Amino acid sequence: MSRLALILVIIGAINWLLVGIFQWDLVAALFGGDAIRNSSGLSRIIYAIVGIAGIYAISFLFNDRVQARNAK
């Protein structure tokens, strides 16, 4: 369950990165809705930072495997 939650957080963060950089909402484009978001400059910076954190969080998906191998 934790891995699934982490995957969903990463997907959400990458979506915010797309909103921050391109003002384009992937989730809205895939599932209906207005895919273009007009945002202020400050909010776009915050969205981009959250997106970068989500990309960094991808490494957490593989941390459990490395720790388990080292424990043996």
PDB file of N, CA and C in Angstrom:
ATOM      1  N   MET A   1       0.825  -1.193   0.000  1.00  0.00           N
ATOM      2  CA  MET A   1       0.000   0.000   0.000  1.00  0.00           C
ATOM      3  C   MET A   1       0.871   1.261   0.000  1.00  0.00           C
ATOM      4  N   SER A   2       1.976   1.224   0.728  1.00  0.00           N
ATOM      5  CA  SER A   2       2.859   2.388   0.775  1.00  0.00           C
ATOM      6  C   SER A   2       3.452   2.682  -0.598  1.00  0.00           C
ATOM      7  N   ARG A   3       3.808   1.635  -1.317  1.00  0.00           N
ATOM      8  CA  ARG A   3       4.385   1.819  -2.649  1.00  0.00           C
ATOM      9  C   ARG A   3       3.355   2.450  -3.585  1.00  0.00           C
ATOM     10  N   LEU A   4       2.109   2.018  -3.514  1.00  0.00           N
ATOM     11  CA  LEU A   4       1.054   2.590  -4.347  1.00  0.00           C
ATOM     12  C   LEU A   4       0.842   4.065  -4.015  1.00  0.00           C
ATOM     13  N   ALA A   5       0.838   4.395  -2.737  1.00  0.00           N
ATOM     14  CA  ALA A   5       0.677   5.793  -2.328  1.00  0.00           C
ATOM     15  C   ALA A   5       1.839   6.638  -2.843  1.00  0.00           C
ATOM     16  N   LEU A   6       3.046   6.102  -2.768  1.00  0.00           N
ATOM     17  CA  LEU A   6       4.208   6.829  -3.264  1.00  0.00           C
ATOM     18  C   LEU A   6       4.122   7.044  -4.770  1.00  0.00           C
ATOM     19  N   ILE A   7       3.679   6.046  -5.504  1.00  0.00           N
ATOM     20  CA  ILE A   7       3.519   6.180  -6.957  1.00  0.00           C
ATOM     21  C   ILE A   7       2.503   7.266  -7.293  1.00  0.00           C
ATOM     22  N   LEU A   8       1.393   7.297  -6.568  1.00  0.00           N
ATOM     23  CA  LEU A   8       0.376   8.330  -6.810  1.00  0.00           C
ATOM     24  C   LEU A   8       0.906   9.730  -6.485  1.00  0.00           C
ATOM     25  N   VAL A   9       1.688   9.845  -5.429  1.00  0.00           N
ATOM     26  CA  VAL A   9       2.287  11.136  -5.082  1.00  0.00           C
ATOM     27  C   VAL A   9       3.255  11.576  -6.180  1.00  0.00           C
ATOM     28  N   ILE A  10       4.043  10.647  -6.701  1.00  0.00           N
ATOM     29  CA  ILE A  10       4.991  10.977  -7.769  1.00  0.00           C
ATOM     30  C   ILE A  10       4.249  11.424  -9.023  1.00  0.00           C
ATOM     31  N   ILE A  11       3.187  10.718  -9.391  1.00  0.00           N
ATOM     32  CA  ILE A  11       2.394  11.104 -10.563  1.00  0.00           C
ATOM     33  C   ILE A  11       1.805  12.501 -10.373  1.00  0.00           C
ATOM     34  N   GLY A  12       1.278  12.770  -9.189  1.00  0.00           N
ATOM     35  CA  GLY A  12       0.725  14.096  -8.905  1.00  0.00           C
ATOM     36  C   GLY A  12       1.779  15.186  -8.973  1.00  0.00           C
ATOM     37  N   ALA A  13       2.959  14.892  -8.442  1.00  0.00           N
ATOM     38  CA  ALA A  13       4.032  15.884  -8.468  1.00  0.00           C
ATOM     39  C   ALA A  13       4.508  16.153  -9.892  1.00  0.00           C
ATOM     40  N   ILE A  14       4.603  15.112 -10.705  1.00  0.00           N
ATOM     41  CA  ILE A  14       4.999  15.312 -12.094  1.00  0.00           C
ATOM     42  C   ILE A  14       3.937  16.112 -12.834  1.00  0.00           C
ATOM     43  N   ASN A  15       2.680  15.885 -12.505  1.00  0.00           N
ATOM     44  CA  ASN A  15       1.617  16.690 -13.114  1.00  0.00           C
ATOM     45  C   ASN A  15       1.783  18.168 -12.740  1.00  0.00           C
ATOM     46  N   TRP A  16       2.102  18.446 -11.477  1.00  0.00           N
ATOM     47  CA  TRP A  16       2.322  19.829 -11.051  1.00  0.00           C
ATOM     48  C   TRP A  16       3.534  20.422 -11.743  1.00  0.00           C
ATOM     49  N   LEU A  17       4.560  19.597 -11.995  1.00  0.00           N
ATOM     50  CA  LEU A  17       5.724  20.087 -12.732  1.00  0.00           C
ATOM     51  C   LEU A  17       5.315  20.534 -14.129  1.00  0.00           C
ATOM     52  N   LEU A  18       4.469  19.745 -14.776  1.00  0.00           N
ATOM     53  CA  LEU A  18       3.981  20.116 -16.107  1.00  0.00           C
ATOM     54  C   LEU A  18       3.152  21.395 -16.061  1.00  0.00           C
ATOM     55  N   VAL A  19       2.369  21.558 -15.007  1.00  0.00           N
ATOM     56  CA  VAL A  19       1.594  22.788 -14.845  1.00  0.00           C
ATOM     57  C   VAL A  19       2.540  23.963 -14.617  1.00  0.00           C
ATOM     58  N   GLY A  20       3.556  23.753 -13.799  1.00  0.00           N
ATOM     59  CA  GLY A  20       4.479  24.831 -13.486  1.00  0.00           C
ATOM     60  C   GLY A  20       5.314  25.274 -14.677  1.00  0.00           C
ATOM     61  N   ILE A  21       5.749  24.322 -15.486  1.00  0.00           N
ATOM     62  CA  ILE A  21       6.630  24.663 -16.603  1.00  0.00           C
ATOM     63  C   ILE A  21       5.843  25.036 -17.860  1.00  0.00           C
ATOM     64  N   PHE A  22       4.847  24.218 -18.189  1.00  0.00           N
ATOM     65  CA  PHE A  22       4.143  24.394 -19.468  1.00  0.00           C
ATOM     66  C   PHE A  22       2.715  24.913 -19.330  1.00  0.00           C
ATOM     67  N   GLN A  23       2.222  25.078 -18.094  1.00  0.00           N
ATOM     68  CA  GLN A  23       0.827  25.437 -17.821  1.00  0.00           C
ATOM     69  C   GLN A  23      -0.121  24.427 -18.460  1.00  0.00           C
ATOM     70  N   TRP A  24       0.251  23.160 -18.412  1.00  0.00           N
ATOM     71  CA  TRP A  24      -0.538  22.090 -19.020  1.00  0.00           C
ATOM     72  C   TRP A  24      -0.790  21.005 -17.991  1.00  0.00           C
ATOM     73  N   ASP A  25      -2.053  20.640 -17.780  1.00  0.00           N
ATOM     74  CA  ASP A  25      -2.469  19.674 -16.769  1.00  0.00           C
ATOM     75  C   ASP A  25      -2.697  18.325 -17.439  1.00  0.00           C
ATOM     76  N   LEU A  26      -1.791  17.383 -17.217  1.00  0.00           N
ATOM     77  CA  LEU A  26      -1.863  16.058 -17.828  1.00  0.00           C
ATOM     78  C   LEU A  26      -3.108  15.298 -17.384  1.00  0.00           C
ATOM     79  N   VAL A  27      -3.427  15.341 -16.106  1.00  0.00           N
ATOM     80  CA  VAL A  27      -4.583  14.606 -15.584  1.00  0.00           C
ATOM     81  C   VAL A  27      -5.870  15.110 -16.224  1.00  0.00           C
ATOM     82  N   ALA A  28      -6.011  16.436 -16.335  1.00  0.00           N
ATOM     83  CA  ALA A  28      -7.205  16.994 -16.973  1.00  0.00           C
ATOM     84  C   ALA A  28      -7.249  16.628 -18.451  1.00  0.00           C
ATOM     85  N   ALA A  29      -6.098  16.593 -19.104  1.00  0.00           N
ATOM     86  CA  ALA A  29      -6.061  16.231 -20.515  1.00  0.00           C
ATOM     87  C   ALA A  29      -6.468  14.776 -20.723  1.00  0.00           C
ATOM     88  N   LEU A  30      -6.064  13.907 -19.809  1.00  0.00           N
ATOM     89  CA  LEU A  30      -6.392  12.482 -19.950  1.00  0.00           C
ATOM     90  C   LEU A  30      -7.834  12.160 -19.585  1.00  0.00           C
ATOM     91  N   PHE A  31      -8.358  12.828 -18.569  1.00  0.00           N
ATOM     92  CA  PHE A  31      -9.665  12.449 -18.038  1.00  0.00           C
ATOM     93  C   PHE A  31     -10.748  13.491 -18.256  1.00  0.00           C
ATOM     94  N   GLY A  32     -10.492  14.472 -19.084  1.00  0.00           N
ATOM     95  CA  GLY A  32     -11.496  15.484 -19.392  1.00  0.00           C
ATOM     96  C   GLY A  32     -11.325  16.710 -18.524  1.00  0.00           C
ATOM     97  N   GLY A  33     -11.557  17.821 -19.117  1.00  0.00           N
ATOM     98  CA  GLY A  33     -11.425  19.073 -18.394  1.00  0.00           C
ATOM     99  C   GLY A  33     -10.525  20.030 -19.149  1.00  0.00           C
ATOM    100  N   ASP A  34     -10.336  21.180 -18.579  1.00  0.00           N
ATOM    101  CA  ASP A  34      -9.507  22.211 -19.190  1.00  0.00           C
ATOM    102  C   ASP A  34      -8.049  21.917 -18.890  1.00  0.00           C
ATOM    103  N   ALA A  35      -7.294  21.520 -19.906  1.00  0.00           N
ATOM    104  CA  ALA A  35      -5.906  21.112 -19.710  1.00  0.00           C
ATOM    105  C   ALA A  35      -4.962  22.293 -19.558  1.00  0.00           C
ATOM    106  N   ILE A  36      -5.389  23.487 -19.951  1.00  0.00           N
ATOM    107  CA  ILE A  36      -4.541  24.675 -19.844  1.00  0.00           C
ATOM    108  C   ILE A  36      -4.884  25.401 -18.552  1.00  0.00           C
ATOM    109  N   ARG A  37      -3.867  25.671 -17.740  1.00  0.00           N
ATOM    110  CA  ARG A  37      -4.063  26.390 -16.475  1.00  0.00           C
ATOM    111  C   ARG A  37      -3.289  27.694 -16.519  1.00  0.00           C
ATOM    112  N   ASN A  38      -3.961  28.761 -16.280  1.00  0.00           N
ATOM    113  CA  ASN A  38      -3.292  30.057 -16.166  1.00  0.00           C
ATOM    114  C   ASN A  38      -2.955  30.277 -14.702  1.00  0.00           C
ATOM    115  N   SER A  39      -1.683  30.450 -14.411  1.00  0.00           N
ATOM    116  CA  SER A  39      -1.231  30.597 -13.036  1.00  0.00           C
ATOM    117  C   SER A  39      -0.281  31.778 -12.928  1.00  0.00           C
ATOM    118  N   SER A  40      -0.158  32.304 -11.722  1.00  0.00           N
ATOM    119  CA  SER A  40       0.795  33.392 -11.486  1.00  0.00           C
ATOM    120  C   SER A  40       2.218  32.830 -11.523  1.00  0.00           C
ATOM    121  N   GLY A  41       3.177  33.713 -11.656  1.00  0.00           N
ATOM    122  CA  GLY A  41       4.570  33.294 -11.705  1.00  0.00           C
ATOM    123  C   GLY A  41       5.013  32.577 -10.443  1.00  0.00           C
ATOM    124  N   LEU A  42       4.600  33.095  -9.286  1.00  0.00           N
ATOM    125  CA  LEU A  42       4.986  32.473  -8.018  1.00  0.00           C
ATOM    126  C   LEU A  42       4.391  31.076  -7.879  1.00  0.00           C
ATOM    127  N   SER A  43       3.141  30.916  -8.233  1.00  0.00           N
ATOM    128  CA  SER A  43       2.532  29.591  -8.118  1.00  0.00           C
ATOM    129  C   SER A  43       3.188  28.608  -9.087  1.00  0.00           C
ATOM    130  N   ARG A  44       3.589  29.070 -10.263  1.00  0.00           N
ATOM    131  CA  ARG A  44       4.271  28.186 -11.210  1.00  0.00           C
ATOM    132  C   ARG A  44       5.627  27.740 -10.670  1.00  0.00           C
ATOM    133  N   ILE A  45       6.313  28.624  -9.957  1.00  0.00           N
ATOM    134  CA  ILE A  45       7.587  28.242  -9.339  1.00  0.00           C
ATOM    135  C   ILE A  45       7.360  27.176  -8.273  1.00  0.00           C
ATOM    136  N   ILE A  46       6.337  27.364  -7.458  1.00  0.00           N
ATOM    137  CA  ILE A  46       6.024  26.388  -6.414  1.00  0.00           C
ATOM    138  C   ILE A  46       5.632  25.050  -7.046  1.00  0.00           C
ATOM    139  N   TYR A  47       4.802  25.073  -8.092  1.00  0.00           N
ATOM    140  CA  TYR A  47       4.433  23.842  -8.783  1.00  0.00           C
ATOM    141  C   TYR A  47       5.670  23.128  -9.316  1.00  0.00           C
ATOM    142  N   ALA A  48       6.604  23.881  -9.883  1.00  0.00           N
ATOM    143  CA  ALA A  48       7.821  23.283 -10.436  1.00  0.00           C
ATOM    144  C   ALA A  48       8.677  22.666  -9.327  1.00  0.00           C
ATOM    145  N   ILE A  49       8.770  23.321  -8.183  1.00  0.00           N
ATOM    146  CA  ILE A  49       9.539  22.769  -7.061  1.00  0.00           C
ATOM    147  C   ILE A  49       8.913  21.471  -6.567  1.00  0.00           C
ATOM    148  N   VAL A  50       7.595  21.446  -6.456  1.00  0.00           N
ATOM    149  CA  VAL A  50       6.907  20.215  -6.046  1.00  0.00           C
ATOM    150  C   VAL A  50       7.163  19.110  -7.068  1.00  0.00           C
ATOM    151  N   GLY A  51       7.158  19.458  -8.341  1.00  0.00           N
ATOM    152  CA  GLY A  51       7.424  18.473  -9.386  1.00  0.00           C
ATOM    153  C   GLY A  51       8.826  17.917  -9.322  1.00  0.00           C
ATOM    154  N   ILE A  52       9.795  18.771  -9.062  1.00  0.00           N
ATOM    155  CA  ILE A  52      11.178  18.312  -8.923  1.00  0.00           C
ATOM    156  C   ILE A  52      11.313  17.388  -7.714  1.00  0.00           C
ATOM    157  N   ALA A  53      10.621  17.714  -6.636  1.00  0.00           N
ATOM    158  CA  ALA A  53      10.617  16.834  -5.466  1.00  0.00           C
ATOM    159  C   ALA A  53      10.002  15.475  -5.807  1.00  0.00           C
ATOM    160  N   GLY A  54       8.988  15.475  -6.661  1.00  0.00           N
ATOM    161  CA  GLY A  54       8.381  14.212  -7.088  1.00  0.00           C
ATOM    162  C   GLY A  54       9.332  13.371  -7.910  1.00  0.00           C
ATOM    163  N   ILE A  55      10.107  14.024  -8.756  1.00  0.00           N
ATOM    164  CA  ILE A  55      11.101  13.285  -9.536  1.00  0.00           C
ATOM    165  C   ILE A  55      12.156  12.698  -8.599  1.00  0.00           C
ATOM    166  N   TYR A  56      12.569  13.450  -7.601  1.00  0.00           N
ATOM    167  CA  TYR A  56      13.516  12.952  -6.606  1.00  0.00           C
ATOM    168  C   TYR A  56      12.929  11.763  -5.848  1.00  0.00           C
ATOM    169  N   ALA A  57      11.620  11.807  -5.577  1.00  0.00           N
ATOM    170  CA  ALA A  57      10.965  10.749  -4.810  1.00  0.00           C
ATOM    171  C   ALA A  57      10.935   9.415  -5.558  1.00  0.00           C
ATOM    172  N   ILE A  58      11.174   9.434  -6.859  1.00  0.00           N
ATOM    173  CA  ILE A  58      11.235   8.176  -7.602  1.00  0.00           C
ATOM    174  C   ILE A  58      12.307   7.269  -7.001  1.00  0.00           C
ATOM    175  N   SER A  59      13.389   7.863  -6.512  1.00  0.00           N
ATOM    176  CA  SER A  59      14.457   7.050  -5.912  1.00  0.00           C
ATOM    177  C   SER A  59      13.968   6.295  -4.677  1.00  0.00           C
ATOM    178  N   PHE A  60      12.950   6.795  -3.991  1.00  0.00           N
ATOM    179  CA  PHE A  60      12.422   6.114  -2.809  1.00  0.00           C
ATOM    180  C   PHE A  60      11.742   4.798  -3.162  1.00  0.00           C
ATOM    181  N   LEU A  61      11.289   4.659  -4.396  1.00  0.00           N
ATOM    182  CA  LEU A  61      10.672   3.400  -4.812  1.00  0.00           C
ATOM    183  C   LEU A  61      11.669   2.248  -4.748  1.00  0.00           C
ATOM    184  N   PHE A  62      12.936   2.559  -4.909  1.00  0.00           N
ATOM    185  CA  PHE A  62      13.958   1.525  -4.970  1.00  0.00           C
ATOM    186  C   PHE A  62      14.783   1.436  -3.691  1.00  0.00           C
ATOM    187  N   ASN A  63      14.568   2.321  -2.726  1.00  0.00           N
ATOM    188  CA  ASN A  63      15.306   2.298  -1.471  1.00  0.00           C
ATOM    189  C   ASN A  63      15.064   1.031  -0.669  1.00  0.00           C
ATOM    190  N   ASP A  64      13.836   0.549  -0.605  1.00  0.00           N
ATOM    191  CA  ASP A  64      13.517  -0.633   0.177  1.00  0.00           C
ATOM    192  C   ASP A  64      14.295  -1.846  -0.316  1.00  0.00           C
ATOM    193  N   ARG A  65      14.442  -1.973  -1.604  1.00  0.00           N
ATOM    194  CA  ARG A  65      15.163  -3.113  -2.165  1.00  0.00           C
ATOM    195  C   ARG A  65      16.633  -3.070  -1.797  1.00  0.00           C
ATOM    196  N   VAL A  66      17.223  -1.898  -1.851  1.00  0.00           N
ATOM    197  CA  VAL A  66      18.644  -1.768  -1.511  1.00  0.00           C
ATOM    198  C   VAL A  66      18.872  -2.068  -0.047  1.00  0.00           C
ATOM    199  N   GLN A  67      18.033  -1.559   0.838  1.00  0.00           N
ATOM    200  CA  GLN A  67      18.177  -1.806   2.259  1.00  0.00           C
ATOM    201  C   GLN A  67      17.973  -3.274   2.582  1.00  0.00           C
ATOM    202  N   ALA A  68      17.042  -3.926   1.917  1.00  0.00           N
ATOM    203  CA  ALA A  68      16.781  -5.346   2.164  1.00  0.00           C
ATOM    204  C   ALA A  68      17.978  -6.181   1.749  1.00  0.00           C
ATOM    205  N   ARG A  69      18.621  -5.847   0.645  1.00  0.00           N
ATOM    206  CA  ARG A  69      19.793  -6.598   0.209  1.00  0.00           C
ATOM    207  C   ARG A  69      20.961  -6.417   1.173  1.00  0.00           C
ATOM    208  N   ASN A  70      21.120  -5.214   1.703  1.00  0.00           N
ATOM    209  CA  ASN A  70      22.222  -4.943   2.632  1.00  0.00           C
ATOM    210  C   ASN A  70      22.003  -5.608   3.976  1.00  0.00           C
ATOM    211  N   ALA A  71      20.770  -5.874   4.346  1.00  0.00           N
ATOM    212  CA  ALA A  71      20.458  -6.472   5.637  1.00  0.00           C
ATOM    213  C   ALA A  71      20.776  -7.962   5.680  1.00  0.00           C
ATOM    214  N   LYS A  72      20.844  -8.597   4.520  1.00  0.00           N
ATOM    215  CA  LYS A  72      21.063 -10.056   4.474  1.00  0.00           C
ATOM    216  C   LYS A  72      22.440 -10.438   4.791  1.00  0.00           C
TER     217      LYS A  72
END
